Amino acid sequence: MSIAINHLSYTYDQGLSFEKKALDDVSLNIQEGQIAGIIGHTGSGKSTLIQHMNGLIKTSSKGKVLVDNEDLYDLRKDVHTVCQKVGMVFQYPEMQLFEETVEKDVGFGPKNLGLSDEIIKERVVEALEMVDLNYDKIHLRQPFFLSGGEKRRVAIAGILAMKPKYLVLDEPTAGLDPYTREQLLDEILKINKEKGITIIMVSHDMDEISRLTDVLYVMHKSKIALSGVTSQVFSQYDKIRELGLMVPEITEVLLGMSRCRQGVDYTLFDLDLAVNEILRHKH
């Protein structure tokens, strides 16, 4: 099963003098269980692309978006049921918190599904646990008085409580301090590995992308300019730079060494492996 996008094009304000093409013949296939990264400059089409993944945008779209082989644009199907498979977490999702307690906020989605109070509580407890928050300690607290990192995790828990099969994260660590950012990245990895939820992550942070993702899509001027296994994409250093993007810091270090010493593997993103590679070529 997968999210498959086939020859998708989209133009904002089509037919008007200020129309803008946001997607131009974009195709990709994200397999179940993967963590997929999407990178590119602001305006490259990243946000428009991910909003197609659960049907938020579809007017005037050309192409197909398939979620587990079901076409989101097929009006004969129950689109809402298909879309519920894909949870969307926008940038700064804590701005959307509105209920008086954490429990009510996380349980808002399941309640709207008409689930029983017992099942709603089970989902809230599980979702909070998935983002490393203790239900007993936090469920009666007001979201507005939580720390920034706690708010972010509560907002993500609200999406997880809907039990999505796919989770789309738009700049999930934006605005967080380094310690909280590392915590959240660990939780995202845990959600994928332990719960089997497929992750699609948009980020400007190349170190985050290299650390977490299995496959990578590089967008440039509304198209996918590069795609493939993350290490293979980042190994195309010159092409990445031509697109005005950077490679992870550890790649920069290893690439610098490779210019002076033969045999340096600059496709390593695990810090321990990279340190061993540096030490191996130290002398």
C-alpha atoms as a PDB file:
ATOM      1  CA  MET A   1       0.000   0.000   0.000  1.00  0.00           C
ATOM      2  CA  SER A   2       1.170   3.539  -0.610  1.00  0.00           C
ATOM      3  CA  ILE A   3       0.455   7.148  -1.405  1.00  0.00           C
ATOM      4  CA  ALA A   4       0.959   7.471  -5.150  1.00  0.00           C
ATOM      5  CA  ILE A   5       0.834  10.763  -7.004  1.00  0.00           C
ATOM      6  CA  ASN A   6       0.756  10.513 -10.786  1.00  0.00           C
ATOM      7  CA  HIS A   7       1.462  13.460 -13.110  1.00  0.00           C
ATOM      8  CA  LEU A   8      -0.081  16.006 -10.757  1.00  0.00           C
ATOM      9  CA  SER A   9      -0.257  19.652 -11.817  1.00  0.00           C
ATOM     10  CA  TYR A  10      -1.897  22.541 -10.004  1.00  0.00           C
ATOM     11  CA  THR A  11      -2.202  26.262 -10.743  1.00  0.00           C
ATOM     12  CA  TYR A  12      -3.389  28.884  -8.261  1.00  0.00           C
ATOM     13  CA  ASP A  13      -5.829  31.497  -9.616  1.00  0.00           C
ATOM     14  CA  GLN A  14      -5.965  29.734 -12.958  1.00  0.00           C
ATOM     15  CA  GLY A  15      -7.136  31.930 -15.809  1.00  0.00           C
ATOM     16  CA  LEU A  16      -6.310  35.164 -14.007  1.00  0.00           C
ATOM     17  CA  SER A  17      -3.462  37.517 -14.875  1.00  0.00           C
ATOM     18  CA  PHE A  18      -1.606  36.606 -11.667  1.00  0.00           C
ATOM     19  CA  GLU A  19      -2.015  32.828 -11.921  1.00  0.00           C
ATOM     20  CA  LYS A  20       0.864  30.772 -10.497  1.00  0.00           C
ATOM     21  CA  LYS A  21       1.779  27.194 -11.317  1.00  0.00           C
ATOM     22  CA  ALA A  22       2.536  25.447  -8.017  1.00  0.00           C
ATOM     23  CA  LEU A  23       2.917  21.867  -9.261  1.00  0.00           C
ATOM     24  CA  ASP A  24       4.071  20.806 -12.703  1.00  0.00           C
ATOM     25  CA  ASP A  25       3.689  17.117 -13.648  1.00  0.00           C
ATOM     26  CA  VAL A  26       4.734  15.784 -10.221  1.00  0.00           C
ATOM     27  CA  SER A  27       4.881  12.027  -9.626  1.00  0.00           C
ATOM     28  CA  LEU A  28       5.991  10.116  -6.528  1.00  0.00           C
ATOM     29  CA  ASN A  29       5.289   6.919  -4.632  1.00  0.00           C
ATOM     30  CA  ILE A  30       5.635   6.693  -0.853  1.00  0.00           C
ATOM     31  CA  GLN A  31       5.556   3.112   0.352  1.00  0.00           C
ATOM     32  CA  GLU A  32       3.882   1.980   3.549  1.00  0.00           C
ATOM     33  CA  GLY A  33       6.260   2.083   6.526  1.00  0.00           C
ATOM     34  CA  GLN A  34       8.685   4.588   5.019  1.00  0.00           C
ATOM     35  CA  ILE A  35       9.753   7.953   6.347  1.00  0.00           C
ATOM     36  CA  ALA A  36       9.824  10.198   3.287  1.00  0.00           C
ATOM     37  CA  GLY A  37      11.345  13.665   3.219  1.00  0.00           C
ATOM     38  CA  ILE A  38      10.383  16.583   0.995  1.00  0.00           C
ATOM     39  CA  ILE A  39      12.752  19.540   0.732  1.00  0.00           C
ATOM     40  CA  GLY A  40      13.012  22.647  -1.427  1.00  0.00           C
ATOM     41  CA  HIS A  41      13.012  26.407  -1.304  1.00  0.00           C
ATOM     42  CA  THR A  42       9.983  28.401  -0.184  1.00  0.00           C
ATOM     43  CA  GLY A  43       7.625  28.534  -3.142  1.00  0.00           C
ATOM     44  CA  SER A  44       8.912  25.319  -4.694  1.00  0.00           C
ATOM     45  CA  GLY A  45       5.538  23.579  -4.267  1.00  0.00           C
ATOM     46  CA  LYS A  46       6.083  21.525  -1.099  1.00  0.00           C
ATOM     47  CA  SER A  47       3.024  22.729   0.821  1.00  0.00           C
ATOM     48  CA  THR A  48       0.751  22.478  -2.199  1.00  0.00           C
ATOM     49  CA  LEU A  49       1.959  18.929  -2.776  1.00  0.00           C
ATOM     50  CA  ILE A  50       1.302  17.672   0.747  1.00  0.00           C
ATOM     51  CA  GLN A  51      -2.129  19.334   0.878  1.00  0.00           C
ATOM     52  CA  HIS A  52      -3.129  17.137  -2.060  1.00  0.00           C
ATOM     53  CA  MET A  53      -2.307  14.031  -0.041  1.00  0.00           C
ATOM     54  CA  ASN A  54      -5.505  14.174   2.002  1.00  0.00           C
ATOM     55  CA  GLY A  55      -7.732  16.064  -0.370  1.00  0.00           C
ATOM     56  CA  LEU A  56      -7.354  19.568   1.081  1.00  0.00           C
ATOM     57  CA  ILE A  57      -6.673  20.816  -2.440  1.00  0.00           C
ATOM     58  CA  LYS A  58      -8.278  19.321  -5.497  1.00  0.00           C
ATOM     59  CA  THR A  59     -10.014  22.076  -7.486  1.00  0.00           C
ATOM     60  CA  SER A  60      -8.553  22.342 -11.024  1.00  0.00           C
ATOM     61  CA  SER A  61      -5.946  19.693 -10.253  1.00  0.00           C
ATOM     62  CA  LYS A  62      -4.647  17.570 -13.111  1.00  0.00           C
ATOM     63  CA  GLY A  63      -3.342  14.098 -12.335  1.00  0.00           C
ATOM     64  CA  LYS A  64      -4.148  11.456  -9.756  1.00  0.00           C
ATOM     65  CA  VAL A  65      -3.643  11.097  -6.020  1.00  0.00           C
ATOM     66  CA  LEU A  66      -4.048   7.505  -4.847  1.00  0.00           C
ATOM     67  CA  VAL A  67      -4.161   6.493  -1.182  1.00  0.00           C
ATOM     68  CA  ASP A  68      -3.925   2.706  -0.931  1.00  0.00           C
ATOM     69  CA  ASN A  69      -5.040   2.535  -4.584  1.00  0.00           C
ATOM     70  CA  GLU A  70      -8.134   4.672  -3.929  1.00  0.00           C
ATOM     71  CA  ASP A  71      -8.427   7.830  -6.017  1.00  0.00           C
ATOM     72  CA  LEU A  72      -9.101  10.896  -3.840  1.00  0.00           C
ATOM     73  CA  TYR A  73     -10.783  12.595  -6.783  1.00  0.00           C
ATOM     74  CA  ASP A  74     -13.159   9.735  -7.598  1.00  0.00           C
ATOM     75  CA  LEU A  75     -16.519  11.185  -6.572  1.00  0.00           C
ATOM     76  CA  ARG A  76     -18.051   7.727  -6.450  1.00  0.00           C
ATOM     77  CA  LYS A  77     -15.966   6.917  -3.377  1.00  0.00           C
ATOM     78  CA  ASP A  78     -16.332   8.090   0.216  1.00  0.00           C
ATOM     79  CA  VAL A  79     -13.532  10.648   0.061  1.00  0.00           C
ATOM     80  CA  HIS A  80     -13.760  11.492   3.783  1.00  0.00           C
ATOM     81  CA  THR A  81     -13.037   7.880   4.740  1.00  0.00           C
ATOM     82  CA  VAL A  82      -9.994   7.808   2.471  1.00  0.00           C
ATOM     83  CA  CYS A  83      -8.767  11.184   3.695  1.00  0.00           C
ATOM     84  CA  GLN A  84      -8.915  10.050   7.325  1.00  0.00           C
ATOM     85  CA  LYS A  85      -6.059   7.696   6.533  1.00  0.00           C
ATOM     86  CA  VAL A  86      -3.786  10.700   6.031  1.00  0.00           C
ATOM     87  CA  GLY A  87      -3.269  12.906   9.095  1.00  0.00           C
ATOM     88  CA  MET A  88      -1.984  16.409   8.375  1.00  0.00           C
ATOM     89  CA  VAL A  89       0.049  18.395  10.915  1.00  0.00           C
ATOM     90  CA  PHE A  90       0.644  21.925   9.698  1.00  0.00           C
ATOM     91  CA  GLN A  91       3.512  24.177  10.715  1.00  0.00           C
ATOM     92  CA  TYR A  92       2.984  25.560  14.254  1.00  0.00           C
ATOM     93  CA  PRO A  93      -0.018  23.265  14.902  1.00  0.00           C
ATOM     94  CA  GLU A  94      -0.262  24.495  18.494  1.00  0.00           C
ATOM     95  CA  MET A  95      -1.918  27.630  17.105  1.00  0.00           C
ATOM     96  CA  GLN A  96      -4.972  25.430  16.471  1.00  0.00           C
ATOM     97  CA  LEU A  97      -5.406  24.314  20.090  1.00  0.00           C
ATOM     98  CA  PHE A  98      -8.715  25.634  21.389  1.00  0.00           C
ATOM     99  CA  GLU A  99     -10.306  23.348  23.982  1.00  0.00           C
ATOM    100  CA  GLU A 100     -10.207  24.046  27.726  1.00  0.00           C
ATOM    101  CA  THR A 101      -8.268  20.884  28.604  1.00  0.00           C
ATOM    102  CA  VAL A 102      -5.670  18.711  26.914  1.00  0.00           C
ATOM    103  CA  GLU A 103      -7.999  15.707  27.063  1.00  0.00           C
ATOM    104  CA  LYS A 104     -10.805  17.530  25.258  1.00  0.00           C
ATOM    105  CA  ASP A 105      -8.441  18.890  22.623  1.00  0.00           C
ATOM    106  CA  VAL A 106      -6.846  15.539  21.797  1.00  0.00           C
ATOM    107  CA  GLY A 107     -10.244  13.842  21.911  1.00  0.00           C
ATOM    108  CA  PHE A 108     -11.971  16.386  19.672  1.00  0.00           C
ATOM    109  CA  GLY A 109     -11.456  14.433  16.434  1.00  0.00           C
ATOM    110  CA  PRO A 110     -12.509  11.028  17.790  1.00  0.00           C
ATOM    111  CA  LYS A 111     -15.582  12.647  19.418  1.00  0.00           C
ATOM    112  CA  ASN A 112     -16.647  14.014  16.032  1.00  0.00           C
ATOM    113  CA  LEU A 113     -16.435  10.478  14.676  1.00  0.00           C
ATOM    114  CA  GLY A 114     -19.202   9.542  17.111  1.00  0.00           C
ATOM    115  CA  LEU A 115     -17.070   7.171  19.168  1.00  0.00           C
ATOM    116  CA  SER A 116     -18.001   6.195  22.721  1.00  0.00           C
ATOM    117  CA  ASP A 117     -16.460   8.012  25.692  1.00  0.00           C
ATOM    118  CA  GLU A 118     -14.562   4.858  26.614  1.00  0.00           C
ATOM    119  CA  ILE A 119     -12.938   4.528  23.192  1.00  0.00           C
ATOM    120  CA  ILE A 120     -12.206   8.259  23.040  1.00  0.00           C
ATOM    121  CA  LYS A 121     -10.324   8.064  26.335  1.00  0.00           C
ATOM    122  CA  GLU A 122      -8.368   5.025  25.118  1.00  0.00           C
ATOM    123  CA  ARG A 123      -7.352   6.938  22.022  1.00  0.00           C
ATOM    124  CA  VAL A 124      -6.385  10.046  23.998  1.00  0.00           C
ATOM    125  CA  VAL A 125      -4.232   8.030  26.427  1.00  0.00           C
ATOM    126  CA  GLU A 126      -2.516   6.185  23.578  1.00  0.00           C
ATOM    127  CA  ALA A 127      -1.943   9.319  21.474  1.00  0.00           C
ATOM    128  CA  LEU A 128      -0.414  11.229  24.392  1.00  0.00           C
ATOM    129  CA  GLU A 129       1.812   8.263  25.166  1.00  0.00           C
ATOM    130  CA  MET A 130       3.015   8.234  21.549  1.00  0.00           C
ATOM    131  CA  VAL A 131       4.354  11.781  21.992  1.00  0.00           C
ATOM    132  CA  ASP A 132       5.811  11.010  25.427  1.00  0.00           C
ATOM    133  CA  LEU A 133       3.185  12.804  27.516  1.00  0.00           C
ATOM    134  CA  ASN A 134       1.655  11.219  30.618  1.00  0.00           C
ATOM    135  CA  TYR A 135      -2.145  11.253  30.537  1.00  0.00           C
ATOM    136  CA  ASP A 136      -2.577  11.399  34.328  1.00  0.00           C
ATOM    137  CA  LYS A 137      -0.265  14.401  34.634  1.00  0.00           C
ATOM    138  CA  ILE A 138      -1.492  16.452  31.721  1.00  0.00           C
ATOM    139  CA  HIS A 139      -5.068  15.590  30.719  1.00  0.00           C
ATOM    140  CA  LEU A 140      -6.769  18.249  32.890  1.00  0.00           C
ATOM    141  CA  ARG A 141      -4.293  21.039  32.144  1.00  0.00           C
ATOM    142  CA  GLN A 142      -5.200  23.962  29.898  1.00  0.00           C
ATOM    143  CA  PRO A 143      -3.259  23.756  26.603  1.00  0.00           C
ATOM    144  CA  PHE A 144      -2.527  27.487  26.620  1.00  0.00           C
ATOM    145  CA  PHE A 145      -0.387  27.187  29.765  1.00  0.00           C
ATOM    146  CA  LEU A 146       1.839  24.386  28.485  1.00  0.00           C
ATOM    147  CA  SER A 147       5.399  24.889  27.270  1.00  0.00           C
ATOM    148  CA  GLY A 148       5.995  25.337  23.553  1.00  0.00           C
ATOM    149  CA  GLY A 149       7.209  21.763  23.151  1.00  0.00           C
ATOM    150  CA  GLU A 150       4.268  20.361  25.108  1.00  0.00           C
ATOM    151  CA  LYS A 151       1.803  22.328  22.989  1.00  0.00           C
ATOM    152  CA  ARG A 152       3.399  20.977  19.813  1.00  0.00           C
ATOM    153  CA  ARG A 153       3.175  17.388  21.063  1.00  0.00           C
ATOM    154  CA  VAL A 154      -0.448  17.818  22.200  1.00  0.00           C
ATOM    155  CA  ALA A 155      -1.349  19.147  18.747  1.00  0.00           C
ATOM    156  CA  ILE A 156       0.314  16.150  17.091  1.00  0.00           C
ATOM    157  CA  ALA A 157      -1.437  13.818  19.550  1.00  0.00           C
ATOM    158  CA  GLY A 158      -4.766  15.259  18.393  1.00  0.00           C
ATOM    159  CA  ILE A 159      -4.008  13.998  14.876  1.00  0.00           C
ATOM    160  CA  LEU A 160      -2.682  10.654  16.114  1.00  0.00           C
ATOM    161  CA  ALA A 161      -5.897  10.100  18.069  1.00  0.00           C
ATOM    162  CA  MET A 162      -7.642   9.822  14.695  1.00  0.00           C
ATOM    163  CA  LYS A 163      -5.450   6.766  14.024  1.00  0.00           C
ATOM    164  CA  PRO A 164      -4.062   7.797  10.642  1.00  0.00           C
ATOM    165  CA  LYS A 165      -2.136   5.302   8.557  1.00  0.00           C
ATOM    166  CA  TYR A 166      -0.049   8.117   7.073  1.00  0.00           C
ATOM    167  CA  LEU A 167       1.165  11.195   8.960  1.00  0.00           C
ATOM    168  CA  VAL A 168       2.215  14.342   7.076  1.00  0.00           C
ATOM    169  CA  LEU A 169       4.372  16.767   9.075  1.00  0.00           C
ATOM    170  CA  ASP A 170       5.079  20.271   7.782  1.00  0.00           C
ATOM    171  CA  GLU A 171       8.232  21.627   9.469  1.00  0.00           C
ATOM    172  CA  PRO A 172       7.495  19.709  12.710  1.00  0.00           C
ATOM    173  CA  THR A 173      10.394  21.208  14.704  1.00  0.00           C
ATOM    174  CA  ALA A 174      10.079  24.832  13.567  1.00  0.00           C
ATOM    175  CA  GLY A 175      10.597  27.281  16.407  1.00  0.00           C
ATOM    176  CA  LEU A 176      11.610  24.685  19.002  1.00  0.00           C
ATOM    177  CA  ASP A 177      14.779  24.828  21.092  1.00  0.00           C
ATOM    178  CA  PRO A 178      17.500  22.238  20.294  1.00  0.00           C
ATOM    179  CA  TYR A 179      16.675  19.916  23.216  1.00  0.00           C
ATOM    180  CA  THR A 180      12.933  19.862  22.485  1.00  0.00           C
ATOM    181  CA  ARG A 181      13.653  19.435  18.777  1.00  0.00           C
ATOM    182  CA  GLU A 182      15.714  16.303  19.464  1.00  0.00           C
ATOM    183  CA  GLN A 183      12.973  14.922  21.706  1.00  0.00           C
ATOM    184  CA  LEU A 184      10.341  15.414  19.028  1.00  0.00           C
ATOM    185  CA  LEU A 185      12.499  13.832  16.329  1.00  0.00           C
ATOM    186  CA  ASP A 186      12.978  10.777  18.538  1.00  0.00           C
ATOM    187  CA  GLU A 187       9.211  10.585  19.030  1.00  0.00           C
ATOM    188  CA  ILE A 188       8.567  10.827  15.274  1.00  0.00           C
ATOM    189  CA  LEU A 189      11.002   7.983  14.677  1.00  0.00           C
ATOM    190  CA  LYS A 190       9.305   5.959  17.422  1.00  0.00           C
ATOM    191  CA  ILE A 191       5.852   6.554  15.910  1.00  0.00           C
ATOM    192  CA  ASN A 192       7.146   5.142  12.643  1.00  0.00           C
ATOM    193  CA  LYS A 193       9.103   2.181  13.966  1.00  0.00           C
ATOM    194  CA  GLU A 194       6.819   1.033  16.800  1.00  0.00           C
ATOM    195  CA  LYS A 195       3.381   1.998  15.456  1.00  0.00           C
ATOM    196  CA  GLY A 196       4.105   1.413  11.764  1.00  0.00           C
ATOM    197  CA  ILE A 197       2.756   4.818  10.730  1.00  0.00           C
ATOM    198  CA  THR A 198       4.173   6.064   7.447  1.00  0.00           C
ATOM    199  CA  ILE A 199       5.684   9.545   7.820  1.00  0.00           C
ATOM    200  CA  ILE A 200       5.934  12.261   5.169  1.00  0.00           C
ATOM    201  CA  MET A 201       8.025  15.139   6.489  1.00  0.00           C
ATOM    202  CA  VAL A 202       8.687  18.571   5.014  1.00  0.00           C
ATOM    203  CA  SER A 203      11.701  20.343   6.492  1.00  0.00           C
ATOM    204  CA  HIS A 204      14.326  22.985   5.742  1.00  0.00           C
ATOM    205  CA  ASP A 205      16.727  21.276   8.154  1.00  0.00           C
ATOM    206  CA  MET A 206      18.947  18.937   6.149  1.00  0.00           C
ATOM    207  CA  ASP A 207      20.381  17.302   9.267  1.00  0.00           C
ATOM    208  CA  GLU A 208      16.868  16.326  10.410  1.00  0.00           C
ATOM    209  CA  ILE A 209      16.015  15.000   6.968  1.00  0.00           C
ATOM    210  CA  SER A 210      19.206  12.963   6.691  1.00  0.00           C
ATOM    211  CA  ARG A 211      18.774  11.528  10.166  1.00  0.00           C
ATOM    212  CA  LEU A 212      15.166  10.387   9.853  1.00  0.00           C
ATOM    213  CA  THR A 213      14.186   9.734   6.255  1.00  0.00           C
ATOM    214  CA  ASP A 214      14.495   6.654   4.062  1.00  0.00           C
ATOM    215  CA  VAL A 215      13.672   8.382   0.780  1.00  0.00           C
ATOM    216  CA  LEU A 216      13.905  12.008  -0.283  1.00  0.00           C
ATOM    217  CA  TYR A 217      12.167  14.229  -2.842  1.00  0.00           C
ATOM    218  CA  VAL A 218      13.797  17.536  -3.784  1.00  0.00           C
ATOM    219  CA  MET A 219      11.408  20.105  -5.238  1.00  0.00           C
ATOM    220  CA  HIS A 220      12.483  22.994  -7.432  1.00  0.00           C
ATOM    221  CA  LYS A 221      10.271  25.374  -9.400  1.00  0.00           C
ATOM    222  CA  SER A 222       7.124  23.239  -8.992  1.00  0.00           C
ATOM    223  CA  LYS A 223       8.820  20.023 -10.124  1.00  0.00           C
ATOM    224  CA  ILE A 224      10.628  17.141  -8.452  1.00  0.00           C
ATOM    225  CA  ALA A 225      14.240  17.778  -9.374  1.00  0.00           C
ATOM    226  CA  LEU A 226      15.814  14.837  -7.514  1.00  0.00           C
ATOM    227  CA  SER A 227      14.447  11.759  -5.770  1.00  0.00           C
ATOM    228  CA  GLY A 228      15.616   8.448  -4.356  1.00  0.00           C
ATOM    229  CA  VAL A 229      17.187   6.917  -1.277  1.00  0.00           C
ATOM    230  CA  THR A 230      18.178   9.801   1.023  1.00  0.00           C
ATOM    231  CA  SER A 231      21.895   8.961   1.098  1.00  0.00           C
ATOM    232  CA  GLN A 232      22.013   8.688  -2.699  1.00  0.00           C
ATOM    233  CA  VAL A 233      20.241  12.024  -3.162  1.00  0.00           C
ATOM    234  CA  PHE A 234      22.572  13.862  -0.782  1.00  0.00           C
ATOM    235  CA  SER A 235      25.583  12.225  -2.442  1.00  0.00           C
ATOM    236  CA  GLN A 236      24.702  14.292  -5.537  1.00  0.00           C
ATOM    237  CA  TYR A 237      26.396  17.242  -3.869  1.00  0.00           C
ATOM    238  CA  ASP A 238      26.879  19.375  -6.971  1.00  0.00           C
ATOM    239  CA  LYS A 239      23.255  19.023  -8.073  1.00  0.00           C
ATOM    240  CA  ILE A 240      22.005  19.879  -4.574  1.00  0.00           C
ATOM    241  CA  ARG A 241      24.143  23.032  -4.586  1.00  0.00           C
ATOM    242  CA  GLU A 242      22.963  23.954  -8.095  1.00  0.00           C
ATOM    243  CA  LEU A 243      19.425  23.976  -6.716  1.00  0.00           C
ATOM    244  CA  GLY A 244      20.536  26.442  -4.036  1.00  0.00           C
ATOM    245  CA  LEU A 245      20.239  23.944  -1.182  1.00  0.00           C
ATOM    246  CA  MET A 246      22.703  22.652   1.371  1.00  0.00           C
ATOM    247  CA  VAL A 247      23.682  19.134   2.333  1.00  0.00           C
ATOM    248  CA  PRO A 248      23.825  17.971   5.985  1.00  0.00           C
ATOM    249  CA  GLU A 249      26.754  19.381   7.995  1.00  0.00           C
ATOM    250  CA  ILE A 250      28.321  15.952   8.469  1.00  0.00           C
ATOM    251  CA  THR A 251      28.260  15.472   4.698  1.00  0.00           C
ATOM    252  CA  GLU A 252      30.113  18.766   4.246  1.00  0.00           C
ATOM    253  CA  VAL A 253      32.823  17.545   6.637  1.00  0.00           C
ATOM    254  CA  LEU A 254      33.193  14.156   4.957  1.00  0.00           C
ATOM    255  CA  LEU A 255      33.145  15.703   1.493  1.00  0.00           C
ATOM    256  CA  GLY A 256      35.933  18.054   2.550  1.00  0.00           C
ATOM    257  CA  MET A 257      37.994  15.093   3.723  1.00  0.00           C
ATOM    258  CA  SER A 258      37.307  13.154   0.509  1.00  0.00           C
ATOM    259  CA  ARG A 259      38.979  15.917  -1.511  1.00  0.00           C
ATOM    260  CA  CYS A 260      42.208  15.314   0.395  1.00  0.00           C
ATOM    261  CA  ARG A 261      41.996  11.584   1.051  1.00  0.00           C
ATOM    262  CA  GLN A 262      40.803   8.761  -1.136  1.00  0.00           C
ATOM    263  CA  GLY A 263      38.189   6.282   0.019  1.00  0.00           C
ATOM    264  CA  VAL A 264      36.261   8.553   2.411  1.00  0.00           C
ATOM    265  CA  ASP A 265      32.583   7.538   2.537  1.00  0.00           C
ATOM    266  CA  TYR A 266      30.626  10.795   2.514  1.00  0.00           C
ATOM    267  CA  THR A 267      27.198   9.118   2.429  1.00  0.00           C
ATOM    268  CA  LEU A 268      27.164   8.451   6.192  1.00  0.00           C
ATOM    269  CA  PHE A 269      24.575  10.346   8.239  1.00  0.00           C
ATOM    270  CA  ASP A 270      24.733   8.424  11.508  1.00  0.00           C
ATOM    271  CA  LEU A 271      26.958  10.549  13.762  1.00  0.00           C
ATOM    272  CA  ASP A 272      28.810   7.609  15.323  1.00  0.00           C
ATOM    273  CA  LEU A 273      29.547   6.057  11.917  1.00  0.00           C
ATOM    274  CA  ALA A 274      30.671   9.424  10.563  1.00  0.00           C
ATOM    275  CA  VAL A 275      33.016   9.982  13.532  1.00  0.00           C
ATOM    276  CA  ASN A 276      34.534   6.523  12.991  1.00  0.00           C
ATOM    277  CA  GLU A 277      35.035   7.340   9.317  1.00  0.00           C
ATOM    278  CA  ILE A 278      36.787  10.603  10.220  1.00  0.00           C
ATOM    279  CA  LEU A 279      39.024   8.827  12.736  1.00  0.00           C
ATOM    280  CA  ARG A 280      39.811   6.096  10.200  1.00  0.00           C
ATOM    281  CA  HIS A 281      41.188   8.675   7.772  1.00  0.00           C
ATOM    282  CA  LYS A 282      42.697  10.962  10.394  1.00  0.00           C
ATOM    283  CA  HIS A 283      46.308  10.120   9.655  1.00  0.00           C
END
